[in-house]
């Protein structure tokens, strides 16, 4: 009896020591790091991005075309006033006011130059008339003298041959001089006519500019081209995209002041980094979660992808504008609402999926920390498609395996 009891105590003690050793070992590997049980499920590779609701089609309220005339030198202009965004307007209603002061200053400068041109033009016409009259009088006087030379030459027949020769040479010299005076008169007349026409052209140009300045001044008061809801335009630059407001500058390179959206077809306008842009195409499916509608989810499809990338604040690389058309007739969806978008680039059914935080790499090899009875082992794996959070495992693991979510310290 005593022997049996002694053996029983020995077995209990041995078991206790084994449990103690195992506990100490697992305490050393910090199981609190987190363990994930590998399982099969449906996988989606997605790209997440922020967006904003916009209409796919809209009537643009632009800087007036006349301000794009390079001769006016209105390279850009400032918005001095703008009605509140979301205002409902009728055709012809006031929308915005551009800087008329700058246009007026340019117009006054142009008028001053025009006045000088007109003054100089009138003086030039008077001077030209006087010069030409003097030259014509000189020619008439010389023609009179020529007649005398001709008479003297005709009467020289009664004189000596030497005198006859002298009279004839004087008459011929007078003819040449008269021809030279006539040619000089015609040349001067052409030159003066060219100068007058050039000045007339300049006056016409500055007169035309004056009319255009007046038109630009009038059209600086922007009115709605049709009925609709006013949505502010955007400006783009290295600082990213931002809405125009009072004080913003607009130009023919960025002419949209505001839009009147067609709300029958809406999109979420978003930006995708260039490292992902090759993975998506027009027609790909997406999910659009609308923040203002209590994270209401809508299905969507990519309807447009920009051909040119741009630099924006908050991104490490260039981004491309992407429009996701939303299939919805919900009238509560309004322009400028923010969205969280999930663009689906691939789908797989019933595959082994693990979190990317549990996947490690070293020298082009991928591996996980597999938790098995008795310890932790490193297991090489082969992965397929990956999303921002999950990866598909092709080889190296089986369903039910337990892997660490973080790298163990020992």
Foldseek 3Di string as FASTA:
>chain_A
DVVVVVVVVVVVVVVVVVVVVLVVVCVQQPPVLDKDFWFWFKDFFKDKFKFFKAFPDWAFQWQDPLCQPVVLVCFKWFWAFADDAFDWDFAFAFGTFIDLVVLVVSLVVLVVVLVVLVVVLVVLVVVLVVVLVVLVVVLVVLVVVLVVLVVLLVVCVVPDPVSNVVSVVVNVVSVVVSVVSVVVSVVSVVVSVVVSVVSVVVSVVSVVSSVSSVVSSVCSRTGHNGTAGKAADWDQDLAGIDGDDHGDMAGPVRTGGTIGHDPPKMWTKTKDFPVCPVLDDFFFKKWKQFVVVVRDIFIWTWHDKAPDWDHHPPDPHTIIITITITPDPDPVDDGGTMIMMITTRDMDGTFTKDWVLQWDDDPRWIWGWWDDPPGTDIWTWDWDDDHPTMTTTDDTDDGRTMTRSHDGPD
